[in-house]
PDB file of N, CA and C in Angstrom:
ATOM      1  N   UNK A   1      11.543   2.987  18.807  1.00  0.00           N
ATOM      2  CA  UNK A   1      12.803   1.969  18.376  1.00  0.00           C
ATOM      3  C   UNK A   1      12.434   0.085  18.511  1.00  0.00           C
ATOM      4  N   UNK A   2      10.824   0.505  19.279  1.00  0.00           N
ATOM      5  CA  UNK A   2      10.359  -1.402  19.239  1.00  0.00           C
ATOM      6  C   UNK A   2       9.481  -1.681  17.701  1.00  0.00           C
ATOM      7  N   UNK A   3       9.574  -0.557  17.841  1.00  0.00           N
ATOM      8  CA  UNK A   3       9.071  -0.847  15.814  1.00  0.00           C
ATOM      9  C   UNK A   3      10.337  -0.491  15.074  1.00  0.00           C
ATOM     10  N   UNK A   4      10.938  -0.152  15.164  1.00  0.00           N
ATOM     11  CA  UNK A   4      12.215  -0.001  13.597  1.00  0.00           C
ATOM     12  C   UNK A   4      11.795   0.911  12.958  1.00  0.00           C
ATOM     13  N   UNK A   5      11.524   2.318  13.794  1.00  0.00           N
ATOM     14  CA  UNK A   5      11.169   3.489  12.884  1.00  0.00           C
ATOM     15  C   UNK A   5      12.413   4.027  12.753  1.00  0.00           C
ATOM     16  N   UNK A   6      12.771   4.370  11.736  1.00  0.00           N
ATOM     17  CA  UNK A   6      14.228   4.405  11.707  1.00  0.00           C
ATOM     18  C   UNK A   6      14.406   6.210  11.521  1.00  0.00           C
ATOM     19  N   UNK A   7      13.459   6.866  10.889  1.00  0.00           N
ATOM     20  CA  UNK A   7      13.281   8.225  10.993  1.00  0.00           C
ATOM     21  C   UNK A   7      11.896   8.424  11.312  1.00  0.00           C
ATOM     22  N   UNK A   8      11.517  10.237  11.994  1.00  0.00           N
ATOM     23  CA  UNK A   8      10.138  10.783  11.589  1.00  0.00           C
ATOM     24  C   UNK A   8      10.302  12.209  11.029  1.00  0.00           C
ATOM     25  N   UNK A   9       9.009  12.419  11.104  1.00  0.00           N
ATOM     26  CA  UNK A   9       9.175  13.404   9.504  1.00  0.00           C
ATOM     27  C   UNK A   9       7.906  14.313  10.093  1.00  0.00           C
ATOM     28  N   UNK A  10       8.161  15.445  10.730  1.00  0.00           N
ATOM     29  CA  UNK A  10       7.137  16.817  10.578  1.00  0.00           C
ATOM     30  C   UNK A  10       6.584  17.712  10.328  1.00  0.00           C
ATOM     31  N   UNK A  11       5.354  18.023  10.394  1.00  0.00           N
ATOM     32  CA  UNK A  11       4.831  19.296  10.372  1.00  0.00           C
ATOM     33  C   UNK A  11       3.748  19.823  10.624  1.00  0.00           C
ATOM     34  N   UNK A  12       4.173  21.532  11.149  1.00  0.00           N
ATOM     35  CA  UNK A  12       4.817  22.631  10.672  1.00  0.00           C
ATOM     36  C   UNK A  12       6.375  22.607  11.419  1.00  0.00           C
ATOM     37  N   UNK A  13       7.020  22.859  10.391  1.00  0.00           N
ATOM     38  CA  UNK A  13       8.240  23.103  11.093  1.00  0.00           C
ATOM     39  C   UNK A  13       8.300  24.046  12.532  1.00  0.00           C
ATOM     40  N   UNK A  14       8.745  23.412  13.389  1.00  0.00           N
ATOM     41  CA  UNK A  14       8.882  24.306  14.931  1.00  0.00           C
ATOM     42  C   UNK A  14      10.513  24.123  15.415  1.00  0.00           C
ATOM     43  N   UNK A  15      10.939  23.625  14.820  1.00  0.00           N
ATOM     44  CA  UNK A  15      12.489  24.186  15.836  1.00  0.00           C
ATOM     45  C   UNK A  15      13.064  23.005  16.376  1.00  0.00           C
ATOM     46  N   UNK A  16      12.022  22.063  17.039  1.00  0.00           N
ATOM     47  CA  UNK A  16      13.113  20.705  17.370  1.00  0.00           C
ATOM     48  C   UNK A  16      13.614  20.153  16.606  1.00  0.00           C
ATOM     49  N   UNK A  17      14.782  20.024  17.772  1.00  0.00           N
ATOM     50  CA  UNK A  17      16.081  19.189  17.518  1.00  0.00           C
ATOM     51  C   UNK A  17      16.102  17.973  18.128  1.00  0.00           C
ATOM     52  N   UNK A  18      16.069  17.067  17.715  1.00  0.00           N
ATOM     53  CA  UNK A  18      16.487  15.729  17.741  1.00  0.00           C
ATOM     54  C   UNK A  18      17.154  14.798  16.639  1.00  0.00           C
ATOM     55  N   UNK A  19      18.091  13.536  16.474  1.00  0.00           N
ATOM     56  CA  UNK A  19      18.507  13.011  15.730  1.00  0.00           C
ATOM     57  C   UNK A  19      17.926  11.754  14.669  1.00  0.00           C
ATOM     58  N   UNK A  20      16.433  11.883  15.459  1.00  0.00           N
ATOM     59  CA  UNK A  20      15.398  10.753  14.720  1.00  0.00           C
ATOM     60  C   UNK A  20      14.269  11.858  13.881  1.00  0.00           C
ATOM     61  N   UNK A  21      14.402  13.165  13.952  1.00  0.00           N
ATOM     62  CA  UNK A  21      12.978  13.673  13.241  1.00  0.00           C
ATOM     63  C   UNK A  21      13.884  14.804  12.524  1.00  0.00           C
ATOM     64  N   UNK A  22      13.003  15.089  11.389  1.00  0.00           N
ATOM     65  CA  UNK A  22      13.328  15.292  10.613  1.00  0.00           C
ATOM     66  C   UNK A  22      12.305  16.862  10.048  1.00  0.00           C
ATOM     67  N   UNK A  23      12.095  18.070  10.289  1.00  0.00           N
ATOM     68  CA  UNK A  23      10.981  18.469  10.198  1.00  0.00           C
ATOM     69  C   UNK A  23      10.947  19.459   8.763  1.00  0.00           C
ATOM     70  N   UNK A  24       9.351  19.473   8.168  1.00  0.00           N
ATOM     71  CA  UNK A  24       8.916  19.948   6.626  1.00  0.00           C
ATOM     72  C   UNK A  24       8.058  20.945   6.922  1.00  0.00           C
ATOM     73  N   UNK A  25       8.035  21.806   5.972  1.00  0.00           N
ATOM     74  CA  UNK A  25       6.969  22.680   5.458  1.00  0.00           C
ATOM     75  C   UNK A  25       5.868  21.940   5.060  1.00  0.00           C
ATOM     76  N   UNK A  26       5.438  20.559   4.590  1.00  0.00           N
ATOM     77  CA  UNK A  26       4.039  20.522   4.382  1.00  0.00           C
ATOM     78  C   UNK A  26       4.151  18.941   3.735  1.00  0.00           C
ATOM     79  N   UNK A  27       3.117  18.334   4.552  1.00  0.00           N
ATOM     80  CA  UNK A  27       3.047  16.928   3.889  1.00  0.00           C
ATOM     81  C   UNK A  27       3.730  16.003   2.608  1.00  0.00           C
ATOM     82  N   UNK A  28       2.987  17.253   2.001  1.00  0.00           N
ATOM     83  CA  UNK A  28       3.442  17.197   0.497  1.00  0.00           C
ATOM     84  C   UNK A  28       5.114  17.325   0.028  1.00  0.00           C
ATOM     85  N   UNK A  29       6.179  18.176   1.390  1.00  0.00           N
ATOM     86  CA  UNK A  29       7.294  17.701   0.979  1.00  0.00           C
ATOM     87  C   UNK A  29       7.758  16.724   1.693  1.00  0.00           C
ATOM     88  N   UNK A  30       7.143  16.470   2.281  1.00  0.00           N
ATOM     89  CA  UNK A  30       7.671  15.142   3.452  1.00  0.00           C
ATOM     90  C   UNK A  30       7.305  13.640   2.214  1.00  0.00           C
ATOM     91  N   UNK A  31       6.231  13.917   1.273  1.00  0.00           N
ATOM     92  CA  UNK A  31       6.007  12.440   0.642  1.00  0.00           C
ATOM     93  C   UNK A  31       6.755  12.447  -0.248  1.00  0.00           C
ATOM     94  N   UNK A  32       7.486  13.706  -1.085  1.00  0.00           N
ATOM     95  CA  UNK A  32       8.416  14.115  -1.761  1.00  0.00           C
ATOM     96  C   UNK A  32      10.175  13.467  -1.402  1.00  0.00           C
ATOM     97  N   UNK A  33      10.238  13.758  -0.719  1.00  0.00           N
ATOM     98  CA  UNK A  33      11.764  13.525   0.074  1.00  0.00           C
ATOM     99  C   UNK A  33      11.844  11.877   0.147  1.00  0.00           C
ATOM    100  N   UNK A  34      10.743  11.440   0.146  1.00  0.00           N
ATOM    101  CA  UNK A  34      10.411   9.983   0.539  1.00  0.00           C
ATOM    102  C   UNK A  34       9.708   8.788  -0.538  1.00  0.00           C
ATOM    103  N   UNK A  35      10.369   8.963  -1.860  1.00  0.00           N
ATOM    104  CA  UNK A  35       9.712   8.848  -2.689  1.00  0.00           C
ATOM    105  C   UNK A  35       9.132   7.459  -2.805  1.00  0.00           C
ATOM    106  N   UNK A  36      10.645   6.762  -2.238  1.00  0.00           N
ATOM    107  CA  UNK A  36      10.361   4.946  -1.878  1.00  0.00           C
ATOM    108  C   UNK A  36       9.275   3.922  -1.563  1.00  0.00           C
ATOM    109  N   UNK A  37       8.401   5.397  -0.508  1.00  0.00           N
ATOM    110  CA  UNK A  37       7.948   4.143   0.365  1.00  0.00           C
ATOM    111  C   UNK A  37       6.370   5.318   0.057  1.00  0.00           C
ATOM    112  N   UNK A  38       5.630   3.768   0.075  1.00  0.00           N
ATOM    113  CA  UNK A  38       3.987   4.162  -0.102  1.00  0.00           C
ATOM    114  C   UNK A  38       3.221   5.223   1.028  1.00  0.00           C
ATOM    115  N   UNK A  39       2.955   6.262   0.693  1.00  0.00           N
ATOM    116  CA  UNK A  39       2.220   7.225   1.850  1.00  0.00           C
ATOM    117  C   UNK A  39       1.039   6.187   2.460  1.00  0.00           C
ATOM    118  N   UNK A  40       0.476   6.895   3.562  1.00  0.00           N
ATOM    119  CA  UNK A  40      -0.575   5.872   4.219  1.00  0.00           C
ATOM    120  C   UNK A  40      -1.300   6.851   4.896  1.00  0.00           C
ATOM    121  N   UNK A  41      -2.220   7.138   4.980  1.00  0.00           N
ATOM    122  CA  UNK A  41      -3.051   8.158   5.613  1.00  0.00           C
ATOM    123  C   UNK A  41      -3.681   7.867   7.419  1.00  0.00           C
ATOM    124  N   UNK A  42      -3.437   7.777   8.082  1.00  0.00           N
ATOM    125  CA  UNK A  42      -3.969   7.979   8.785  1.00  0.00           C
ATOM    126  C   UNK A  42      -5.011   8.771   9.495  1.00  0.00           C
ATOM    127  N   UNK A  43      -6.670   8.893   9.196  1.00  0.00           N
ATOM    128  CA  UNK A  43      -7.163   9.453  10.004  1.00  0.00           C
ATOM    129  C   UNK A  43      -8.785   9.059  10.008  1.00  0.00           C
ATOM    130  N   UNK A  44      -9.994   9.488  10.721  1.00  0.00           N
ATOM    131  CA  UNK A  44     -11.212   9.356  11.178  1.00  0.00           C
ATOM    132  C   UNK A  44     -12.328   8.946   9.811  1.00  0.00           C
ATOM    133  N   UNK A  45     -11.480   9.003   8.678  1.00  0.00           N
ATOM    134  CA  UNK A  45     -12.778   8.832   7.675  1.00  0.00           C
ATOM    135  C   UNK A  45     -11.737   7.589   6.812  1.00  0.00           C
ATOM    136  N   UNK A  46     -10.765   7.179   6.825  1.00  0.00           N
ATOM    137  CA  UNK A  46      -9.969   6.455   6.106  1.00  0.00           C
ATOM    138  C   UNK A  46     -10.334   5.571   5.967  1.00  0.00           C
ATOM    139  N   UNK A  47      -9.898   4.593   4.303  1.00  0.00           N
ATOM    140  CA  UNK A  47     -10.738   4.071   3.574  1.00  0.00           C
ATOM    141  C   UNK A  47     -11.418   2.622   4.315  1.00  0.00           C
ATOM    142  N   UNK A  48      -9.720   2.398   5.262  1.00  0.00           N
ATOM    143  CA  UNK A  48      -9.880   0.746   5.904  1.00  0.00           C
ATOM    144  C   UNK A  48      -9.980   1.069   7.225  1.00  0.00           C
ATOM    145  N   UNK A  49     -10.593  -0.416   8.041  1.00  0.00           N
ATOM    146  CA  UNK A  49      -9.877  -0.032   9.529  1.00  0.00           C
ATOM    147  C   UNK A  49      -8.854  -0.793   9.691  1.00  0.00           C
ATOM    148  N   UNK A  50      -7.843   0.030  10.055  1.00  0.00           N
ATOM    149  CA  UNK A  50      -6.307  -0.788  10.427  1.00  0.00           C
ATOM    150  C   UNK A  50      -6.398  -2.222  10.593  1.00  0.00           C
ATOM    151  N   UNK A  51      -7.601  -2.837  11.026  1.00  0.00           N
ATOM    152  CA  UNK A  51      -7.265  -3.972  11.542  1.00  0.00           C
ATOM    153  C   UNK A  51      -7.260  -4.972  10.388  1.00  0.00           C
ATOM    154  N   UNK A  52      -7.700  -4.388   9.058  1.00  0.00           N
ATOM    155  CA  UNK A  52      -8.021  -5.221   7.997  1.00  0.00           C
ATOM    156  C   UNK A  52      -7.198  -4.409   6.855  1.00  0.00           C
ATOM    157  N   UNK A  53      -5.965  -4.108   7.733  1.00  0.00           N
ATOM    158  CA  UNK A  53      -5.526  -3.308   6.453  1.00  0.00           C
ATOM    159  C   UNK A  53      -3.727  -3.886   6.339  1.00  0.00           C
ATOM    160  N   UNK A  54      -4.060  -4.505   4.480  1.00  0.00           N
ATOM    161  CA  UNK A  54      -1.991  -4.380   4.660  1.00  0.00           C
ATOM    162  C   UNK A  54      -1.529  -3.598   4.179  1.00  0.00           C
ATOM    163  N   UNK A  55      -0.713  -3.658   5.062  1.00  0.00           N
ATOM    164  CA  UNK A  55       0.249  -2.906   5.665  1.00  0.00           C
ATOM    165  C   UNK A  55       1.148  -2.936   4.562  1.00  0.00           C
ATOM    166  N   UNK A  56       1.439  -1.738   3.453  1.00  0.00           N
ATOM    167  CA  UNK A  56       3.021  -1.950   2.348  1.00  0.00           C
ATOM    168  C   UNK A  56       4.142  -2.580   3.145  1.00  0.00           C
ATOM    169  N   UNK A  57       4.872  -3.185   2.649  1.00  0.00           N
ATOM    170  CA  UNK A  57       6.402  -3.353   3.040  1.00  0.00           C
ATOM    171  C   UNK A  57       6.972  -2.370   3.588  1.00  0.00           C
ATOM    172  N   UNK A  58       6.909  -0.998   2.867  1.00  0.00           N
ATOM    173  CA  UNK A  58       7.880  -0.011   3.004  1.00  0.00           C
ATOM    174  C   UNK A  58       6.253   1.198   3.172  1.00  0.00           C
ATOM    175  N   UNK A  59       6.655   1.751   4.370  1.00  0.00           N
ATOM    176  CA  UNK A  59       5.539   2.852   4.022  1.00  0.00           C
ATOM    177  C   UNK A  59       5.736   3.618   4.946  1.00  0.00           C
ATOM    178  N   UNK A  60       4.873   4.955   4.060  1.00  0.00           N
ATOM    179  CA  UNK A  60       5.418   6.525   5.233  1.00  0.00           C
ATOM    180  C   UNK A  60       3.876   6.718   5.805  1.00  0.00           C
ATOM    181  N   UNK A  61       3.913   6.236   7.152  1.00  0.00           N
ATOM    182  CA  UNK A  61       2.634   6.723   7.913  1.00  0.00           C
ATOM    183  C   UNK A  61       2.398   7.737   8.008  1.00  0.00           C
ATOM    184  N   UNK A  62       1.392   9.112   7.933  1.00  0.00           N
ATOM    185  CA  UNK A  62       1.008  10.367   8.062  1.00  0.00           C
ATOM    186  C   UNK A  62       0.182  10.848   8.905  1.00  0.00           C
ATOM    187  N   UNK A  63      -0.096  10.566   9.758  1.00  0.00           N
ATOM    188  CA  UNK A  63      -0.643  11.609  10.737  1.00  0.00           C
ATOM    189  C   UNK A  63      -1.437  13.066  11.172  1.00  0.00           C
ATOM    190  N   UNK A  64      -2.291  13.366  11.268  1.00  0.00           N
ATOM    191  CA  UNK A  64      -2.439  14.628  11.016  1.00  0.00           C
ATOM    192  C   UNK A  64      -3.079  15.285  13.077  1.00  0.00           C
ATOM    193  N   UNK A  65      -3.299  16.675  13.471  1.00  0.00           N
ATOM    194  CA  UNK A  65      -3.230  17.354  14.150  1.00  0.00           C
ATOM    195  C   UNK A  65      -4.361  16.211  14.884  1.00  0.00           C
ATOM    196  N   UNK A  66      -4.258  16.294  16.823  1.00  0.00           N
ATOM    197  CA  UNK A  66      -5.337  15.927  17.376  1.00  0.00           C
ATOM    198  C   UNK A  66      -6.741  15.524  17.013  1.00  0.00           C
ATOM    199  N   UNK A  67      -7.166  16.694  16.429  1.00  0.00           N
ATOM    200  CA  UNK A  67      -8.324  17.143  16.486  1.00  0.00           C
ATOM    201  C   UNK A  67      -8.474  16.738  14.894  1.00  0.00           C
ATOM    202  N   UNK A  68      -8.369  16.474  14.345  1.00  0.00           N
ATOM    203  CA  UNK A  68      -8.614  15.022  12.659  1.00  0.00           C
ATOM    204  C   UNK A  68      -8.620  16.307  12.329  1.00  0.00           C
ATOM    205  N   UNK A  69      -8.374  17.458  11.745  1.00  0.00           N
ATOM    206  CA  UNK A  69      -8.346  18.513  10.748  1.00  0.00           C
ATOM    207  C   UNK A  69      -8.358  17.752   9.209  1.00  0.00           C
ATOM    208  N   UNK A  70      -8.918  17.930   8.358  1.00  0.00           N
ATOM    209  CA  UNK A  70      -8.942  17.642   7.124  1.00  0.00           C
ATOM    210  C   UNK A  70      -7.540  18.026   6.710  1.00  0.00           C
ATOM    211  N   UNK A  71      -6.630  17.081   6.366  1.00  0.00           N
ATOM    212  CA  UNK A  71      -5.535  16.728   5.580  1.00  0.00           C
ATOM    213  C   UNK A  71      -4.949  16.003   4.603  1.00  0.00           C
ATOM    214  N   UNK A  72      -5.758  15.009   4.200  1.00  0.00           N
ATOM    215  CA  UNK A  72      -5.240  14.193   3.162  1.00  0.00           C
ATOM    216  C   UNK A  72      -5.204  14.688   1.833  1.00  0.00           C
ATOM    217  N   UNK A  73      -4.189  14.299   1.408  1.00  0.00           N
ATOM    218  CA  UNK A  73      -3.239  14.624   0.026  1.00  0.00           C
ATOM    219  C   UNK A  73      -4.012  13.067  -1.318  1.00  0.00           C
ATOM    220  N   UNK A  74      -4.538  13.452  -1.978  1.00  0.00           N
ATOM    221  CA  UNK A  74      -5.319  12.166  -2.791  1.00  0.00           C
ATOM    222  C   UNK A  74      -3.684  12.413  -4.173  1.00  0.00           C
ATOM    223  N   UNK A  75      -3.772  11.420  -4.174  1.00  0.00           N
ATOM    224  CA  UNK A  75      -2.455  10.798  -4.549  1.00  0.00           C
ATOM    225  C   UNK A  75      -2.427   9.750  -5.562  1.00  0.00           C
ATOM    226  N   UNK A  76      -1.720   9.577  -6.641  1.00  0.00           N
ATOM    227  CA  UNK A  76      -1.313   7.781  -6.933  1.00  0.00           C
ATOM    228  C   UNK A  76      -0.775   6.576  -5.726  1.00  0.00           C
ATOM    229  N   UNK A  77      -1.216   5.987  -5.657  1.00  0.00           N
ATOM    230  CA  UNK A  77      -0.676   5.075  -4.666  1.00  0.00           C
ATOM    231  C   UNK A  77      -0.695   5.559  -3.094  1.00  0.00           C
ATOM    232  N   UNK A  78      -1.792   6.654  -2.582  1.00  0.00           N
ATOM    233  CA  UNK A  78      -1.625   7.119  -1.281  1.00  0.00           C
ATOM    234  C   UNK A  78      -3.249   5.862  -0.512  1.00  0.00           C
ATOM    235  N   UNK A  79      -2.419   5.601   0.014  1.00  0.00           N
ATOM    236  CA  UNK A  79      -3.599   4.879   1.288  1.00  0.00           C
ATOM    237  C   UNK A  79      -4.153   5.569   2.456  1.00  0.00           C
ATOM    238  N   UNK A  80      -5.546   4.830   2.753  1.00  0.00           N
ATOM    239  CA  UNK A  80      -5.756   5.610   4.238  1.00  0.00           C
ATOM    240  C   UNK A  80      -6.536   4.602   4.930  1.00  0.00           C
ATOM    241  N   UNK A  81      -6.156   4.881   6.008  1.00  0.00           N
ATOM    242  CA  UNK A  81      -6.408   3.897   7.335  1.00  0.00           C
ATOM    243  C   UNK A  81      -7.397   4.881   7.960  1.00  0.00           C
ATOM    244  N   UNK A  82      -8.159   3.895   8.851  1.00  0.00           N
ATOM    245  CA  UNK A  82      -9.236   4.437  10.453  1.00  0.00           C
ATOM    246  C   UNK A  82      -9.131   3.904  11.707  1.00  0.00           C
ATOM    247  N   UNK A  83      -8.708   4.233  12.706  1.00  0.00           N
ATOM    248  CA  UNK A  83      -9.465   3.439  13.768  1.00  0.00           C
ATOM    249  C   UNK A  83     -10.273   3.678  14.545  1.00  0.00           C
ATOM    250  N   UNK A  84     -11.139   2.621  14.237  1.00  0.00           N
ATOM    251  CA  UNK A  84     -11.665   2.877  15.645  1.00  0.00           C
ATOM    252  C   UNK A  84     -12.068   3.389  16.560  1.00  0.00           C
ATOM    253  N   UNK A  85     -12.571   4.684  17.338  1.00  0.00           N
ATOM    254  CA  UNK A  85     -12.356   4.197  18.486  1.00  0.00           C
ATOM    255  C   UNK A  85     -13.847   5.211  19.164  1.00  0.00           C
ATOM    256  N   UNK A  86     -15.069   4.215  19.521  1.00  0.00           N
ATOM    257  CA  UNK A  86     -16.295   5.033  19.357  1.00  0.00           C
ATOM    258  C   UNK A  86     -16.664   5.884  20.654  1.00  0.00           C
ATOM    259  N   UNK A  87     -16.131   5.880  21.620  1.00  0.00           N
ATOM    260  CA  UNK A  87     -16.062   6.256  22.957  1.00  0.00           C
ATOM    261  C   UNK A  87     -15.434   7.286  23.229  1.00  0.00           C
ATOM    262  N   UNK A  88     -14.440   7.085  22.833  1.00  0.00           N
ATOM    263  CA  UNK A  88     -13.521   8.647  22.669  1.00  0.00           C
ATOM    264  C   UNK A  88     -13.740   9.769  22.022  1.00  0.00           C
ATOM    265  N   UNK A  89     -13.803   9.549  20.963  1.00  0.00           N
ATOM    266  CA  UNK A  89     -13.596  10.539  19.535  1.00  0.00           C
ATOM    267  C   UNK A  89     -12.684  10.867  18.600  1.00  0.00           C
ATOM    268  N   UNK A  90     -11.567  10.456  19.390  1.00  0.00           N
ATOM    269  CA  UNK A  90     -10.220  10.982  18.839  1.00  0.00           C
ATOM    270  C   UNK A  90      -9.004  10.418  19.238  1.00  0.00           C
ATOM    271  N   UNK A  91      -8.244   9.997  18.848  1.00  0.00           N
ATOM    272  CA  UNK A  91      -7.011   9.185  19.280  1.00  0.00           C
ATOM    273  C   UNK A  91      -5.666  11.049  19.018  1.00  0.00           C
ATOM    274  N   UNK A  92      -5.002  11.309  20.055  1.00  0.00           N
ATOM    275  CA  UNK A  92      -3.421  11.952  19.346  1.00  0.00           C
ATOM    276  C   UNK A  92      -2.370  11.150  18.491  1.00  0.00           C
ATOM    277  N   UNK A  93      -1.741  12.111  18.390  1.00  0.00           N
ATOM    278  CA  UNK A  93      -1.291  11.353  16.897  1.00  0.00           C
ATOM    279  C   UNK A  93      -0.053  10.373  17.260  1.00  0.00           C
ATOM    280  N   UNK A  94       0.412  10.025  19.204  1.00  0.00           N
ATOM    281  CA  UNK A  94       1.155   9.599  18.996  1.00  0.00           C
ATOM    282  C   UNK A  94       0.425   8.219  19.327  1.00  0.00           C
ATOM    283  N   UNK A  95      -1.038   8.219  19.788  1.00  0.00           N
ATOM    284  CA  UNK A  95      -1.592   7.482  20.295  1.00  0.00           C
ATOM    285  C   UNK A  95      -1.596   6.689  18.762  1.00  0.00           C
ATOM    286  N   UNK A  96      -2.495   7.317  17.838  1.00  0.00           N
ATOM    287  CA  UNK A  96      -2.621   6.149  16.550  1.00  0.00           C
ATOM    288  C   UNK A  96      -1.233   5.808  16.474  1.00  0.00           C
ATOM    289  N   UNK A  97       0.062   5.806  16.146  1.00  0.00           N
ATOM    290  CA  UNK A  97       0.935   5.855  15.753  1.00  0.00           C
ATOM    291  C   UNK A  97       1.538   4.433  16.212  1.00  0.00           C
ATOM    292  N   UNK A  98       1.326   4.330  17.549  1.00  0.00           N
ATOM    293  CA  UNK A  98       1.912   2.984  19.007  1.00  0.00           C
ATOM    294  C   UNK A  98       0.514   2.130  17.818  1.00  0.00           C
ATOM    295  N   UNK A  99      -0.889   2.642  18.003  1.00  0.00           N
ATOM    296  CA  UNK A  99      -1.911   1.501  17.365  1.00  0.00           C
ATOM    297  C   UNK A  99      -1.112   0.948  16.032  1.00  0.00           C
ATOM    298  N   UNK A 100      -1.359   1.872  15.044  1.00  0.00           N
ATOM    299  CA  UNK A 100      -1.036   1.435  13.467  1.00  0.00           C
ATOM    300  C   UNK A 100       0.537   0.593  13.758  1.00  0.00           C
ATOM    301  N   UNK A 101       1.171   0.788  14.406  1.00  0.00           N
ATOM    302  CA  UNK A 101       2.578   0.176  14.454  1.00  0.00           C
ATOM    303  C   UNK A 101       2.592  -1.263  15.045  1.00  0.00           C
ATOM    304  N   UNK A 102       1.659  -1.480  16.308  1.00  0.00           N
ATOM    305  CA  UNK A 102       1.253  -2.423  17.315  1.00  0.00           C
ATOM    306  C   UNK A 102       0.022  -3.217  15.502  1.00  0.00           C
ATOM    307  N   UNK A 103      -0.814  -3.121  15.270  1.00  0.00           N
ATOM    308  CA  UNK A 103      -0.934  -3.544  14.164  1.00  0.00           C
ATOM    309  C   UNK A 103      -0.752  -4.324  12.964  1.00  0.00           C
ATOM    310  N   UNK A 104       0.796  -3.239  12.135  1.00  0.00           N
ATOM    311  CA  UNK A 104       1.574  -3.715  11.546  1.00  0.00           C
ATOM    312  C   UNK A 104       2.046  -4.817  12.157  1.00  0.00           C
ATOM    313  N   UNK A 105       2.794  -4.719  13.283  1.00  0.00           N
ATOM    314  CA  UNK A 105       3.805  -6.013  14.164  1.00  0.00           C
ATOM    315  C   UNK A 105       2.817  -7.372  14.024  1.00  0.00           C
ATOM    316  N   UNK A 106       1.805  -7.143  14.105  1.00  0.00           N
ATOM    317  CA  UNK A 106       0.644  -8.602  14.344  1.00  0.00           C
ATOM    318  C   UNK A 106       0.951  -8.837  12.773  1.00  0.00           C
ATOM    319  N   UNK A 107       0.590  -8.484  11.740  1.00  0.00           N
ATOM    320  CA  UNK A 107       0.214  -8.395  10.758  1.00  0.00           C
ATOM    321  C   UNK A 107       1.544  -9.364   9.887  1.00  0.00           C
ATOM    322  N   UNK A 108       2.703  -8.281  10.315  1.00  0.00           N
ATOM    323  CA  UNK A 108       3.839  -9.266  10.813  1.00  0.00           C
ATOM    324  C   UNK A 108       3.792 -10.711  10.788  1.00  0.00           C
ATOM    325  N   UNK A 109       3.972 -10.526  12.611  1.00  0.00           N
ATOM    326  CA  UNK A 109       4.137 -12.417  12.393  1.00  0.00           C
ATOM    327  C   UNK A 109       2.648 -13.412  12.367  1.00  0.00           C
ATOM    328  N   UNK A 110       1.632 -12.732  11.271  1.00  0.00           N
ATOM    329  CA  UNK A 110       0.835 -13.922  11.120  1.00  0.00           C
ATOM    330  C   UNK A 110       2.105 -14.014   9.929  1.00  0.00           C
ATOM    331  N   UNK A 111       2.010 -13.771   8.728  1.00  0.00           N
ATOM    332  CA  UNK A 111       2.885 -13.863   7.344  1.00  0.00           C
ATOM    333  C   UNK A 111       3.956 -14.366   7.571  1.00  0.00           C
ATOM    334  N   UNK A 112       5.059 -14.180   8.553  1.00  0.00           N
ATOM    335  CA  UNK A 112       6.163 -15.073   8.818  1.00  0.00           C
ATOM    336  C   UNK A 112       5.848 -15.509  10.435  1.00  0.00           C
ATOM    337  N   UNK A 113       5.357 -16.577  10.336  1.00  0.00           N
ATOM    338  CA  UNK A 113       5.467 -17.694  11.911  1.00  0.00           C
ATOM    339  C   UNK A 113       6.830 -17.774  12.217  1.00  0.00           C
TER     340      UNK A 113
END
């Protein structure tokens, strides 16, 4: 709520019930149901460090498993970011989400004083 995230999408479907959560069979399904959003994959081999990333106005951030299992779907308009974590080696998806959204908020403040 702090970052005005209107909906969470999750894969694979597990039967969780929450008004802000929609479950899907795959990342491809998530992307196809939100074509108006720019897909941004967050993983350890992302193209650009999150602190240097120019966040799209309307983004669909996609996070993989905590063990960073490969999940990147290459497609037109897809982007990817990484979060440096030199001592930990990995982040849980909810930790990565918080970092990405915090960074997005900082970028928003820099652009709109």
